[in-house]
Amino acid sequence: MDIRQEVISRIKTHFPQAKVYEEDQKQGFEVPCFFVSELEVELEKEVNRRYKETIPLVIQYFTDQPNIKDDCSKVRQILFEIVEELSLNKVRSIKLKGEVVNDVLMVKVSYKRHLIKE
């Protein structure tokens, strides 16, 4: 399971009432829902066959609650807890950031891991 899939799985477990979309969907989505997208992945060469990979994700949350700020604040706290450390991929987040923009919660999380290429 890749990192994005593990994050999606955790969101589905903790928010079973919300749909989780893996691709951008411009119209026709039901709220509450999440969109999980992978941003530009970096692969940086270190020594010999060692590489450092940085995987940034953005999680968008669309609420159906009338008090948007309060709901987004609660969801942000839970998201920070469930995506901080991913056990299947054995990675910890190196950066977590959350803000509400145009009534949508945007959580950005980045993971870093070391790879050895054959």
PDB file of N, CA and C in Angstrom:
ATOM      1  N   MET A   1       0.856  -1.174   0.000  1.00  0.00           N
ATOM      2  CA  MET A   1       0.000   0.000   0.000  1.00  0.00           C
ATOM      3  C   MET A   1       0.900   1.234   0.000  1.00  0.00           C
ATOM      4  N   ASP A   2       0.640   2.149  -0.943  1.00  0.00           N
ATOM      5  CA  ASP A   2       1.465   3.354  -0.976  1.00  0.00           C
ATOM      6  C   ASP A   2       0.982   4.352   0.081  1.00  0.00           C
ATOM      7  N   ILE A   3       1.732   5.415   0.236  1.00  0.00           N
ATOM      8  CA  ILE A   3       1.459   6.386   1.293  1.00  0.00           C
ATOM      9  C   ILE A   3       0.079   7.015   1.130  1.00  0.00           C
ATOM     10  N   ARG A   4      -0.250   7.438  -0.070  1.00  0.00           N
ATOM     11  CA  ARG A   4      -1.566   8.066  -0.297  1.00  0.00           C
ATOM     12  C   ARG A   4      -2.699   7.101   0.028  1.00  0.00           C
ATOM     13  N   GLN A   5      -2.557   5.849  -0.359  1.00  0.00           N
ATOM     14  CA  GLN A   5      -3.585   4.848  -0.089  1.00  0.00           C
ATOM     15  C   GLN A   5      -3.741   4.596   1.415  1.00  0.00           C
ATOM     16  N   GLU A   6      -2.628   4.621   2.137  1.00  0.00           N
ATOM     17  CA  GLU A   6      -2.717   4.437   3.584  1.00  0.00           C
ATOM     18  C   GLU A   6      -3.437   5.622   4.242  1.00  0.00           C
ATOM     19  N   VAL A   7      -3.168   6.835   3.773  1.00  0.00           N
ATOM     20  CA  VAL A   7      -3.865   8.015   4.294  1.00  0.00           C
ATOM     21  C   VAL A   7      -5.360   7.912   3.990  1.00  0.00           C
ATOM     22  N   ILE A   8      -5.712   7.519   2.777  1.00  0.00           N
ATOM     23  CA  ILE A   8      -7.118   7.361   2.399  1.00  0.00           C
ATOM     24  C   ILE A   8      -7.796   6.319   3.281  1.00  0.00           C
ATOM     25  N   SER A   9      -7.123   5.210   3.516  1.00  0.00           N
ATOM     26  CA  SER A   9      -7.668   4.149   4.355  1.00  0.00           C
ATOM     27  C   SER A   9      -7.938   4.654   5.775  1.00  0.00           C
ATOM     28  N   ARG A  10      -7.024   5.429   6.309  1.00  0.00           N
ATOM     29  CA  ARG A  10      -7.211   5.968   7.665  1.00  0.00           C
ATOM     30  C   ARG A  10      -8.374   6.956   7.725  1.00  0.00           C
ATOM     31  N   ILE A  11      -8.497   7.784   6.702  1.00  0.00           N
ATOM     32  CA  ILE A  11      -9.620   8.731   6.668  1.00  0.00           C
ATOM     33  C   ILE A  11     -10.942   7.969   6.612  1.00  0.00           C
ATOM     34  N   LYS A  12     -11.016   6.946   5.778  1.00  0.00           N
ATOM     35  CA  LYS A  12     -12.246   6.149   5.665  1.00  0.00           C
ATOM     36  C   LYS A  12     -12.598   5.479   6.994  1.00  0.00           C
ATOM     37  N   THR A  13     -11.593   5.033   7.724  1.00  0.00           N
ATOM     38  CA  THR A  13     -11.821   4.391   9.015  1.00  0.00           C
ATOM     39  C   THR A  13     -12.348   5.379  10.051  1.00  0.00           C
ATOM     40  N   HIS A  14     -11.772   6.578  10.106  1.00  0.00           N
ATOM     41  CA  HIS A  14     -12.135   7.552  11.129  1.00  0.00           C
ATOM     42  C   HIS A  14     -13.344   8.417  10.761  1.00  0.00           C
ATOM     43  N   PHE A  15     -13.667   8.476   9.478  1.00  0.00           N
ATOM     44  CA  PHE A  15     -14.805   9.270   9.017  1.00  0.00           C
ATOM     45  C   PHE A  15     -15.679   8.420   8.086  1.00  0.00           C
ATOM     46  N   PRO A  16     -16.314   7.369   8.615  1.00  0.00           N
ATOM     47  CA  PRO A  16     -17.071   6.454   7.750  1.00  0.00           C
ATOM     48  C   PRO A  16     -18.282   7.101   7.065  1.00  0.00           C
ATOM     49  N   GLN A  17     -18.775   8.215   7.602  1.00  0.00           N
ATOM     50  CA  GLN A  17     -19.927   8.887   7.015  1.00  0.00           C
ATOM     51  C   GLN A  17     -19.549   9.745   5.807  1.00  0.00           C
ATOM     52  N   ALA A  18     -18.263   9.978   5.595  1.00  0.00           N
ATOM     53  CA  ALA A  18     -17.804  10.864   4.519  1.00  0.00           C
ATOM     54  C   ALA A  18     -17.239  10.056   3.355  1.00  0.00           C
ATOM     55  N   LYS A  19     -17.545  10.504   2.166  1.00  0.00           N
ATOM     56  CA  LYS A  19     -16.984   9.896   0.956  1.00  0.00           C
ATOM     57  C   LYS A  19     -15.553  10.410   0.795  1.00  0.00           C
ATOM     58  N   VAL A  20     -14.660   9.551   0.311  1.00  0.00           N
ATOM     59  CA  VAL A  20     -13.276   9.961   0.058  1.00  0.00           C
ATOM     60  C   VAL A  20     -13.011   9.792  -1.429  1.00  0.00           C
ATOM     61  N   TYR A  21     -12.683  10.907  -2.079  1.00  0.00           N
ATOM     62  CA  TYR A  21     -12.389  10.901  -3.510  1.00  0.00           C
ATOM     63  C   TYR A  21     -10.884  10.916  -3.703  1.00  0.00           C
ATOM     64  N   GLU A  22     -10.421  10.089  -4.627  1.00  0.00           N
ATOM     65  CA  GLU A  22      -8.989  10.018  -4.907  1.00  0.00           C
ATOM     66  C   GLU A  22      -8.594  10.921  -6.067  1.00  0.00           C
ATOM     67  N   GLU A  23      -9.549  11.335  -6.841  1.00  0.00           N
ATOM     68  CA  GLU A  23      -9.290  12.213  -7.984  1.00  0.00           C
ATOM     69  C   GLU A  23     -10.133  13.469  -7.827  1.00  0.00           C
ATOM     70  N   ASP A  24      -9.688  14.556  -8.445  1.00  0.00           N
ATOM     71  CA  ASP A  24     -10.483  15.778  -8.416  1.00  0.00           C
ATOM     72  C   ASP A  24     -11.795  15.544  -9.142  1.00  0.00           C
ATOM     73  N   GLN A  25     -12.851  15.976  -8.510  1.00  0.00           N
ATOM     74  CA  GLN A  25     -14.180  15.859  -9.097  1.00  0.00           C
ATOM     75  C   GLN A  25     -14.798  17.243  -9.014  1.00  0.00           C
ATOM     76  N   LYS A  26     -14.984  17.881 -10.135  1.00  0.00           N
ATOM     77  CA  LYS A  26     -15.428  19.270 -10.157  1.00  0.00           C
ATOM     78  C   LYS A  26     -16.883  19.436  -9.726  1.00  0.00           C
ATOM     79  N   GLN A  27     -17.729  18.466 -10.072  1.00  0.00           N
ATOM     80  CA  GLN A  27     -19.156  18.578  -9.765  1.00  0.00           C
ATOM     81  C   GLN A  27     -19.682  17.237  -9.286  1.00  0.00           C
ATOM     82  N   GLY A  28     -20.845  17.290  -8.665  1.00  0.00           N
ATOM     83  CA  GLY A  28     -21.557  16.070  -8.326  1.00  0.00           C
ATOM     84  C   GLY A  28     -21.019  15.301  -7.141  1.00  0.00           C
ATOM     85  N   PHE A  29     -20.251  15.934  -6.272  1.00  0.00           N
ATOM     86  CA  PHE A  29     -19.780  15.205  -5.098  1.00  0.00           C
ATOM     87  C   PHE A  29     -20.704  15.493  -3.919  1.00  0.00           C
ATOM     88  N   GLU A  30     -20.795  14.520  -3.032  1.00  0.00           N
ATOM     89  CA  GLU A  30     -21.660  14.631  -1.863  1.00  0.00           C
ATOM     90  C   GLU A  30     -20.838  15.066  -0.656  1.00  0.00           C
ATOM     91  N   VAL A  31     -21.415  15.956   0.154  1.00  0.00           N
ATOM     92  CA  VAL A  31     -20.742  16.378   1.379  1.00  0.00           C
ATOM     93  C   VAL A  31     -21.393  15.684   2.567  1.00  0.00           C
ATOM     94  N   PRO A  32     -20.659  15.369   3.603  1.00  0.00           N
ATOM     95  CA  PRO A  32     -19.244  15.672   3.794  1.00  0.00           C
ATOM     96  C   PRO A  32     -18.368  14.743   2.950  1.00  0.00           C
ATOM     97  N   CYS A  33     -17.242  15.277   2.524  1.00  0.00           N
ATOM     98  CA  CYS A  33     -16.328  14.448   1.737  1.00  0.00           C
ATOM     99  C   CYS A  33     -14.904  14.975   1.843  1.00  0.00           C
ATOM    100  N   PHE A  34     -13.990  14.096   1.434  1.00  0.00           N
ATOM    101  CA  PHE A  34     -12.564  14.415   1.387  1.00  0.00           C
ATOM    102  C   PHE A  34     -12.046  14.189  -0.025  1.00  0.00           C
ATOM    103  N   PHE A  35     -11.076  14.988  -0.413  1.00  0.00           N
ATOM    104  CA  PHE A  35     -10.292  14.756  -1.623  1.00  0.00           C
ATOM    105  C   PHE A  35      -8.845  14.598  -1.170  1.00  0.00           C
ATOM    106  N   VAL A  36      -8.175  13.569  -1.638  1.00  0.00           N
ATOM    107  CA  VAL A  36      -6.775  13.339  -1.269  1.00  0.00           C
ATOM    108  C   VAL A  36      -5.947  13.319  -2.552  1.00  0.00           C
ATOM    109  N   SER A  37      -5.010  14.256  -2.649  1.00  0.00           N
ATOM    110  CA  SER A  37      -4.187  14.379  -3.852  1.00  0.00           C
ATOM    111  C   SER A  37      -2.708  14.375  -3.485  1.00  0.00           C
ATOM    112  N   GLU A  38      -1.941  13.770  -4.359  1.00  0.00           N
ATOM    113  CA  GLU A  38      -0.486  13.783  -4.205  1.00  0.00           C
ATOM    114  C   GLU A  38       0.051  14.956  -5.010  1.00  0.00           C
ATOM    115  N   LEU A  39       0.914  15.748  -4.388  1.00  0.00           N
ATOM    116  CA  LEU A  39       1.533  16.870  -5.072  1.00  0.00           C
ATOM    117  C   LEU A  39       2.854  16.413  -5.695  1.00  0.00           C
ATOM    118  N   GLU A  40       3.698  17.335  -6.008  1.00  0.00           N
ATOM    119  CA  GLU A  40       4.960  17.008  -6.683  1.00  0.00           C
ATOM    120  C   GLU A  40       5.915  16.256  -5.744  1.00  0.00           C
ATOM    121  N   VAL A  41       6.239  15.028  -6.121  1.00  0.00           N
ATOM    122  CA  VAL A  41       7.133  14.175  -5.335  1.00  0.00           C
ATOM    123  C   VAL A  41       8.574  14.494  -5.730  1.00  0.00           C
ATOM    124  N   GLU A  42       9.449  14.598  -4.727  1.00  0.00           N
ATOM    125  CA  GLU A  42      10.872  14.872  -4.970  1.00  0.00           C
ATOM    126  C   GLU A  42      11.707  13.646  -4.649  1.00  0.00           C
ATOM    127  N   LEU A  43      12.678  13.377  -5.486  1.00  0.00           N
ATOM    128  CA  LEU A  43      13.637  12.304  -5.240  1.00  0.00           C
ATOM    129  C   LEU A  43      15.019  12.931  -5.320  1.00  0.00           C
ATOM    130  N   GLU A  44      15.713  12.921  -4.191  1.00  0.00           N
ATOM    131  CA  GLU A  44      17.012  13.581  -4.096  1.00  0.00           C
ATOM    132  C   GLU A  44      18.101  12.544  -3.859  1.00  0.00           C
ATOM    133  N   LYS A  45      19.116  12.562  -4.718  1.00  0.00           N
ATOM    134  CA  LYS A  45      20.214  11.609  -4.586  1.00  0.00           C
ATOM    135  C   LYS A  45      21.085  11.991  -3.402  1.00  0.00           C
ATOM    136  N   GLU A  46      21.450  10.971  -2.632  1.00  0.00           N
ATOM    137  CA  GLU A  46      22.350  11.200  -1.506  1.00  0.00           C
ATOM    138  C   GLU A  46      23.701  10.575  -1.836  1.00  0.00           C
ATOM    139  N   VAL A  47      24.021   9.437  -1.232  1.00  0.00           N
ATOM    140  CA  VAL A  47      25.308   8.795  -1.454  1.00  0.00           C
ATOM    141  C   VAL A  47      25.081   7.457  -2.153  1.00  0.00           C
ATOM    142  N   ASN A  48      25.898   7.187  -3.158  1.00  0.00           N
ATOM    143  CA  ASN A  48      25.826   5.931  -3.911  1.00  0.00           C
ATOM    144  C   ASN A  48      24.406   5.664  -4.399  1.00  0.00           C
ATOM    145  N   ARG A  49      23.776   4.628  -3.881  1.00  0.00           N
ATOM    146  CA  ARG A  49      22.431   4.251  -4.335  1.00  0.00           C
ATOM    147  C   ARG A  49      21.339   4.743  -3.399  1.00  0.00           C
ATOM    148  N   ARG A  50      21.722   5.587  -2.462  1.00  0.00           N
ATOM    149  CA  ARG A  50      20.743   6.089  -1.481  1.00  0.00           C
ATOM    150  C   ARG A  50      20.062   7.352  -2.004  1.00  0.00           C
ATOM    151  N   TYR A  51      18.751   7.406  -1.792  1.00  0.00           N
ATOM    152  CA  TYR A  51      17.947   8.547  -2.203  1.00  0.00           C
ATOM    153  C   TYR A  51      17.028   8.957  -1.056  1.00  0.00           C
ATOM    154  N   LYS A  52      16.670  10.219  -1.069  1.00  0.00           N
ATOM    155  CA  LYS A  52      15.694  10.735  -0.123  1.00  0.00           C
ATOM    156  C   LYS A  52      14.464  11.146  -0.933  1.00  0.00           C
ATOM    157  N   GLU A  53      13.310  10.572  -0.583  1.00  0.00           N
ATOM    158  CA  GLU A  53      12.075  10.857  -1.298  1.00  0.00           C
ATOM    159  C   GLU A  53      11.148  11.672  -0.389  1.00  0.00           C
ATOM    160  N   THR A  54      10.611  12.765  -0.925  1.00  0.00           N
ATOM    161  CA  THR A  54       9.650  13.587  -0.213  1.00  0.00           C
ATOM    162  C   THR A  54       8.312  13.488  -0.926  1.00  0.00           C
ATOM    163  N   ILE A  55       7.273  13.105  -0.169  1.00  0.00           N
ATOM    164  CA  ILE A  55       5.944  12.889  -0.731  1.00  0.00           C
ATOM    165  C   ILE A  55       4.971  13.847  -0.053  1.00  0.00           C
ATOM    166  N   PRO A  56       4.564  14.906  -0.759  1.00  0.00           N
ATOM    167  CA  PRO A  56       3.589  15.836  -0.184  1.00  0.00           C
ATOM    168  C   PRO A  56       2.165  15.473  -0.639  1.00  0.00           C
ATOM    169  N   LEU A  57       1.234  15.546   0.303  1.00  0.00           N
ATOM    170  CA  LEU A  57      -0.178  15.306   0.004  1.00  0.00           C
ATOM    171  C   LEU A  57      -0.995  16.505   0.448  1.00  0.00           C
ATOM    172  N   VAL A  58      -2.128  16.700  -0.194  1.00  0.00           N
ATOM    173  CA  VAL A  58      -3.093  17.685   0.275  1.00  0.00           C
ATOM    174  C   VAL A  58      -4.425  16.967   0.458  1.00  0.00           C
ATOM    175  N   ILE A  59      -5.023  17.202   1.618  1.00  0.00           N
ATOM    176  CA  ILE A  59      -6.319  16.621   1.964  1.00  0.00           C
ATOM    177  C   ILE A  59      -7.304  17.784   2.070  1.00  0.00           C
ATOM    178  N   GLN A  60      -8.343  17.739   1.261  1.00  0.00           N
ATOM    179  CA  GLN A  60      -9.377  18.766   1.305  1.00  0.00           C
ATOM    180  C   GLN A  60     -10.623  18.161   1.940  1.00  0.00           C
ATOM    181  N   TYR A  61     -11.246  18.922   2.829  1.00  0.00           N
ATOM    182  CA  TYR A  61     -12.463  18.463   3.499  1.00  0.00           C
ATOM    183  C   TYR A  61     -13.583  19.461   3.262  1.00  0.00           C
ATOM    184  N   PHE A  62     -14.693  18.969   2.723  1.00  0.00           N
ATOM    185  CA  PHE A  62     -15.894  19.759   2.502  1.00  0.00           C
ATOM    186  C   PHE A  62     -16.927  19.322   3.539  1.00  0.00           C
ATOM    187  N   THR A  63     -17.358  20.244   4.375  1.00  0.00           N
ATOM    188  CA  THR A  63     -18.278  19.925   5.460  1.00  0.00           C
ATOM    189  C   THR A  63     -19.734  20.108   5.042  1.00  0.00           C
ATOM    190  N   ASP A  64     -20.607  19.454   5.793  1.00  0.00           N
ATOM    191  CA  ASP A  64     -22.038  19.670   5.619  1.00  0.00           C
ATOM    192  C   ASP A  64     -22.639  20.314   6.867  1.00  0.00           C
ATOM    193  N   GLN A  65     -21.785  20.727   7.791  1.00  0.00           N
ATOM    194  CA  GLN A  65     -22.238  21.312   9.050  1.00  0.00           C
ATOM    195  C   GLN A  65     -22.429  22.821   8.899  1.00  0.00           C
ATOM    196  N   PRO A  66     -23.419  23.390   9.609  1.00  0.00           N
ATOM    197  CA  PRO A  66     -23.657  24.834   9.497  1.00  0.00           C
ATOM    198  C   PRO A  66     -22.525  25.680  10.088  1.00  0.00           C
ATOM    199  N   ASN A  67     -21.873  25.180  11.151  1.00  0.00           N
ATOM    200  CA  ASN A  67     -20.762  25.920  11.741  1.00  0.00           C
ATOM    201  C   ASN A  67     -19.457  25.387  11.136  1.00  0.00           C
ATOM    202  N   ILE A  68     -19.101  25.926  10.011  1.00  0.00           N
ATOM    203  CA  ILE A  68     -17.980  25.427   9.200  1.00  0.00           C
ATOM    204  C   ILE A  68     -16.656  25.489   9.963  1.00  0.00           C
ATOM    205  N   LYS A  69     -16.369  26.607  10.595  1.00  0.00           N
ATOM    206  CA  LYS A  69     -15.080  26.767  11.283  1.00  0.00           C
ATOM    207  C   LYS A  69     -14.905  25.744  12.398  1.00  0.00           C
ATOM    208  N   ASP A  70     -15.946  25.544  13.210  1.00  0.00           N
ATOM    209  CA  ASP A  70     -15.841  24.581  14.308  1.00  0.00           C
ATOM    210  C   ASP A  70     -15.666  23.161  13.788  1.00  0.00           C
ATOM    211  N   ASP A  71     -16.453  22.788  12.786  1.00  0.00           N
ATOM    212  CA  ASP A  71     -16.355  21.439  12.231  1.00  0.00           C
ATOM    213  C   ASP A  71     -14.978  21.214  11.615  1.00  0.00           C
ATOM    214  N   CYS A  72     -14.509  22.186  10.856  1.00  0.00           N
ATOM    215  CA  CYS A  72     -13.195  22.050  10.221  1.00  0.00           C
ATOM    216  C   CYS A  72     -12.081  21.970  11.262  1.00  0.00           C
ATOM    217  N   SER A  73     -12.223  22.691  12.355  1.00  0.00           N
ATOM    218  CA  SER A  73     -11.221  22.642  13.420  1.00  0.00           C
ATOM    219  C   SER A  73     -11.167  21.243  14.041  1.00  0.00           C
ATOM    220  N   LYS A  74     -12.321  20.660  14.311  1.00  0.00           N
ATOM    221  CA  LYS A  74     -12.369  19.307  14.872  1.00  0.00           C
ATOM    222  C   LYS A  74     -11.779  18.286  13.899  1.00  0.00           C
ATOM    223  N   VAL A  75     -12.155  18.388  12.639  1.00  0.00           N
ATOM    224  CA  VAL A  75     -11.651  17.448  11.629  1.00  0.00           C
ATOM    225  C   VAL A  75     -10.148  17.608  11.466  1.00  0.00           C
ATOM    226  N   ARG A  76      -9.650  18.843  11.488  1.00  0.00           N
ATOM    227  CA  ARG A  76      -8.208  19.086  11.359  1.00  0.00           C
ATOM    228  C   ARG A  76      -7.438  18.399  12.480  1.00  0.00           C
ATOM    229  N   GLN A  77      -7.936  18.517  13.706  1.00  0.00           N
ATOM    230  CA  GLN A  77      -7.260  17.887  14.842  1.00  0.00           C
ATOM    231  C   GLN A  77      -7.189  16.369  14.666  1.00  0.00           C
ATOM    232  N   ILE A  78      -8.268  15.775  14.222  1.00  0.00           N
ATOM    233  CA  ILE A  78      -8.285  14.326  14.015  1.00  0.00           C
ATOM    234  C   ILE A  78      -7.345  13.946  12.873  1.00  0.00           C
ATOM    235  N   LEU A  79      -7.398  14.696  11.782  1.00  0.00           N
ATOM    236  CA  LEU A  79      -6.504  14.405  10.648  1.00  0.00           C
ATOM    237  C   LEU A  79      -5.043  14.480  11.067  1.00  0.00           C
ATOM    238  N   PHE A  80      -4.679  15.500  11.825  1.00  0.00           N
ATOM    239  CA  PHE A  80      -3.292  15.621  12.285  1.00  0.00           C
ATOM    240  C   PHE A  80      -2.867  14.375  13.059  1.00  0.00           C
ATOM    241  N   GLU A  81      -3.763  13.859  13.892  1.00  0.00           N
ATOM    242  CA  GLU A  81      -3.436  12.663  14.677  1.00  0.00           C
ATOM    243  C   GLU A  81      -3.293  11.413  13.808  1.00  0.00           C
ATOM    244  N   ILE A  82      -4.209  11.247  12.845  1.00  0.00           N
ATOM    245  CA  ILE A  82      -4.221   9.980  12.100  1.00  0.00           C
ATOM    246  C   ILE A  82      -3.221   9.925  10.950  1.00  0.00           C
ATOM    247  N   VAL A  83      -2.718  11.085  10.505  1.00  0.00           N
ATOM    248  CA  VAL A  83      -1.751  11.049   9.399  1.00  0.00           C
ATOM    249  C   VAL A  83      -0.324  11.352   9.831  1.00  0.00           C
ATOM    250  N   GLU A  84      -0.132  11.637  11.101  1.00  0.00           N
ATOM    251  CA  GLU A  84       1.218  11.984  11.575  1.00  0.00           C
ATOM    252  C   GLU A  84       2.212  10.848  11.356  1.00  0.00           C
ATOM    253  N   GLU A  85       1.788   9.645  11.666  1.00  0.00           N
ATOM    254  CA  GLU A  85       2.683   8.493  11.526  1.00  0.00           C
ATOM    255  C   GLU A  85       1.936   7.375  10.813  1.00  0.00           C
ATOM    256  N   LEU A  86       2.541   6.843   9.755  1.00  0.00           N
ATOM    257  CA  LEU A  86       1.923   5.762   8.979  1.00  0.00           C
ATOM    258  C   LEU A  86       2.690   4.474   9.242  1.00  0.00           C
ATOM    259  N   SER A  87       2.018   3.535   9.866  1.00  0.00           N
ATOM    260  CA  SER A  87       2.695   2.308  10.294  1.00  0.00           C
ATOM    261  C   SER A  87       3.015   1.368   9.136  1.00  0.00           C
ATOM    262  N   LEU A  88       2.107   1.243   8.165  1.00  0.00           N
ATOM    263  CA  LEU A  88       2.369   0.314   7.055  1.00  0.00           C
ATOM    264  C   LEU A  88       3.566   0.747   6.216  1.00  0.00           C
ATOM    265  N   ASN A  89       3.708   2.044   6.034  1.00  0.00           N
ATOM    266  CA  ASN A  89       4.822   2.570   5.249  1.00  0.00           C
ATOM    267  C   ASN A  89       6.013   2.977   6.112  1.00  0.00           C
ATOM    268  N   LYS A  90       5.855   2.893   7.432  1.00  0.00           N
ATOM    269  CA  LYS A  90       6.926   3.209   8.378  1.00  0.00           C
ATOM    270  C   LYS A  90       7.524   4.597   8.137  1.00  0.00           C
ATOM    271  N   VAL A  91       6.634   5.584   8.035  1.00  0.00           N
ATOM    272  CA  VAL A  91       7.083   6.968   7.865  1.00  0.00           C
ATOM    273  C   VAL A  91       6.331   7.871   8.834  1.00  0.00           C
ATOM    274  N   ARG A  92       6.997   8.971   9.175  1.00  0.00           N
ATOM    275  CA  ARG A  92       6.377  10.026   9.990  1.00  0.00           C
ATOM    276  C   ARG A  92       6.306  11.275   9.126  1.00  0.00           C
ATOM    277  N   SER A  93       5.302  12.079   9.406  1.00  0.00           N
ATOM    278  CA  SER A  93       5.197  13.335   8.668  1.00  0.00           C
ATOM    279  C   SER A  93       6.326  14.264   9.103  1.00  0.00           C
ATOM    280  N   ILE A  94       6.809  15.053   8.168  1.00  0.00           N
ATOM    281  CA  ILE A  94       7.841  16.032   8.490  1.00  0.00           C
ATOM    282  C   ILE A  94       7.229  17.426   8.575  1.00  0.00           C
ATOM    283  N   LYS A  95       5.986  17.546   8.083  1.00  0.00           N
ATOM    284  CA  LYS A  95       5.315  18.838   8.116  1.00  0.00           C
ATOM    285  C   LYS A  95       3.815  18.626   8.028  1.00  0.00           C
ATOM    286  N   LEU A  96       3.074  19.291   8.892  1.00  0.00           N
ATOM    287  CA  LEU A  96       1.611  19.284   8.875  1.00  0.00           C
ATOM    288  C   LEU A  96       1.141  20.731   8.924  1.00  0.00           C
ATOM    289  N   LYS A  97       0.204  21.063   8.043  1.00  0.00           N
ATOM    290  CA  LYS A  97      -0.316  22.426   8.015  1.00  0.00           C
ATOM    291  C   LYS A  97      -1.790  22.354   7.667  1.00  0.00           C
ATOM    292  N   GLY A  98      -2.617  23.102   8.372  1.00  0.00           N
ATOM    293  CA  GLY A  98      -4.039  23.102   8.087  1.00  0.00           C
ATOM    294  C   GLY A  98      -4.621  24.500   8.130  1.00  0.00           C
ATOM    295  N   GLU A  99      -5.488  24.800   7.176  1.00  0.00           N
ATOM    296  CA  GLU A  99      -6.165  26.090   7.144  1.00  0.00           C
ATOM    297  C   GLU A  99      -7.489  25.951   6.407  1.00  0.00           C
ATOM    298  N   VAL A 100      -8.425  26.839   6.720  1.00  0.00           N
ATOM    299  CA  VAL A 100      -9.714  26.858   6.031  1.00  0.00           C
ATOM    300  C   VAL A 100      -9.660  27.958   4.981  1.00  0.00           C
ATOM    301  N   VAL A 101      -9.898  27.567   3.723  1.00  0.00           N
ATOM    302  CA  VAL A 101      -9.882  28.494   2.604  1.00  0.00           C
ATOM    303  C   VAL A 101     -11.200  28.342   1.855  1.00  0.00           C
ATOM    304  N   ASN A 102     -11.953  29.429   1.748  1.00  0.00           N
ATOM    305  CA  ASN A 102     -13.259  29.398   1.057  1.00  0.00           C
ATOM    306  C   ASN A 102     -14.154  28.280   1.586  1.00  0.00           C
ATOM    307  N   ASP A 103     -14.224  28.162   2.897  1.00  0.00           N
ATOM    308  CA  ASP A 103     -15.067  27.169   3.583  1.00  0.00           C
ATOM    309  C   ASP A 103     -14.643  25.724   3.340  1.00  0.00           C
ATOM    310  N   VAL A 104     -13.409  25.505   2.924  1.00  0.00           N
ATOM    311  CA  VAL A 104     -12.870  24.162   2.706  1.00  0.00           C
ATOM    312  C   VAL A 104     -11.614  24.014   3.554  1.00  0.00           C
ATOM    313  N   LEU A 105     -11.560  22.942   4.345  1.00  0.00           N
ATOM    314  CA  LEU A 105     -10.358  22.660   5.128  1.00  0.00           C
ATOM    315  C   LEU A 105      -9.295  22.084   4.205  1.00  0.00           C
ATOM    316  N   MET A 106      -8.112  22.674   4.239  1.00  0.00           N
ATOM    317  CA  MET A 106      -6.971  22.202   3.454  1.00  0.00           C
ATOM    318  C   MET A 106      -5.894  21.773   4.436  1.00  0.00           C
ATOM    319  N   VAL A 107      -5.571  20.481   4.421  1.00  0.00           N
ATOM    320  CA  VAL A 107      -4.497  19.966   5.261  1.00  0.00           C
ATOM    321  C   VAL A 107      -3.388  19.490   4.338  1.00  0.00           C
ATOM    322  N   LYS A 108      -2.202  20.038   4.558  1.00  0.00           N
ATOM    323  CA  LYS A 108      -1.035  19.632   3.779  1.00  0.00           C
ATOM    324  C   LYS A 108      -0.126  18.831   4.689  1.00  0.00           C
ATOM    325  N   VAL A 109       0.300  17.685   4.191  1.00  0.00           N
ATOM    326  CA  VAL A 109       1.184  16.822   4.962  1.00  0.00           C
ATOM    327  C   VAL A 109       2.301  16.337   4.036  1.00  0.00           C
ATOM    328  N   SER A 110       3.511  16.307   4.555  1.00  0.00           N
ATOM    329  CA  SER A 110       4.654  15.821   3.786  1.00  0.00           C
ATOM    330  C   SER A 110       5.334  14.698   4.546  1.00  0.00           C
ATOM    331  N   TYR A 111       5.752  13.693   3.788  1.00  0.00           N
ATOM    332  CA  TYR A 111       6.482  12.555   4.349  1.00  0.00           C
ATOM    333  C   TYR A 111       7.830  12.468   3.663  1.00  0.00           C
ATOM    334  N   LYS A 112       8.807  12.005   4.428  1.00  0.00           N
ATOM    335  CA  LYS A 112      10.148  11.813   3.870  1.00  0.00           C
ATOM    336  C   LYS A 112      10.590  10.401   4.210  1.00  0.00           C
ATOM    337  N   ARG A 113      11.159   9.733   3.217  1.00  0.00           N
ATOM    338  CA  ARG A 113      11.706   8.412   3.474  1.00  0.00           C
ATOM    339  C   ARG A 113      12.968   8.225   2.654  1.00  0.00           C
ATOM    340  N   HIS A 114      13.793   7.299   3.123  1.00  0.00           N
ATOM    341  CA  HIS A 114      15.062   6.989   2.444  1.00  0.00           C
ATOM    342  C   HIS A 114      14.901   5.705   1.648  1.00  0.00           C
ATOM    343  N   LEU A 115      15.465   5.714   0.467  1.00  0.00           N
ATOM    344  CA  LEU A 115      15.379   4.550  -0.432  1.00  0.00           C
ATOM    345  C   LEU A 115      16.779   4.128  -0.851  1.00  0.00           C
ATOM    346  N   ILE A 116      16.908   2.860  -1.137  1.00  0.00           N
ATOM    347  CA  ILE A 116      18.131   2.345  -1.742  1.00  0.00           C
ATOM    348  C   ILE A 116      17.728   1.723  -3.061  1.00  0.00           C
ATOM    349  N   LYS A 117      18.282   2.250  -4.136  1.00  0.00           N
ATOM    350  CA  LYS A 117      17.953   1.754  -5.469  1.00  0.00           C
ATOM    351  C   LYS A 117      18.914   0.628  -5.841  1.00  0.00           C
ATOM    352  N   GLU A 118      18.366  -0.371  -6.477  1.00  0.00           N
ATOM    353  CA  GLU A 118      19.175  -1.520  -6.922  1.00  0.00           C
ATOM    354  C   GLU A 118      20.040  -1.153  -8.108  1.00  0.00           C
TER     355      GLU A 118
END
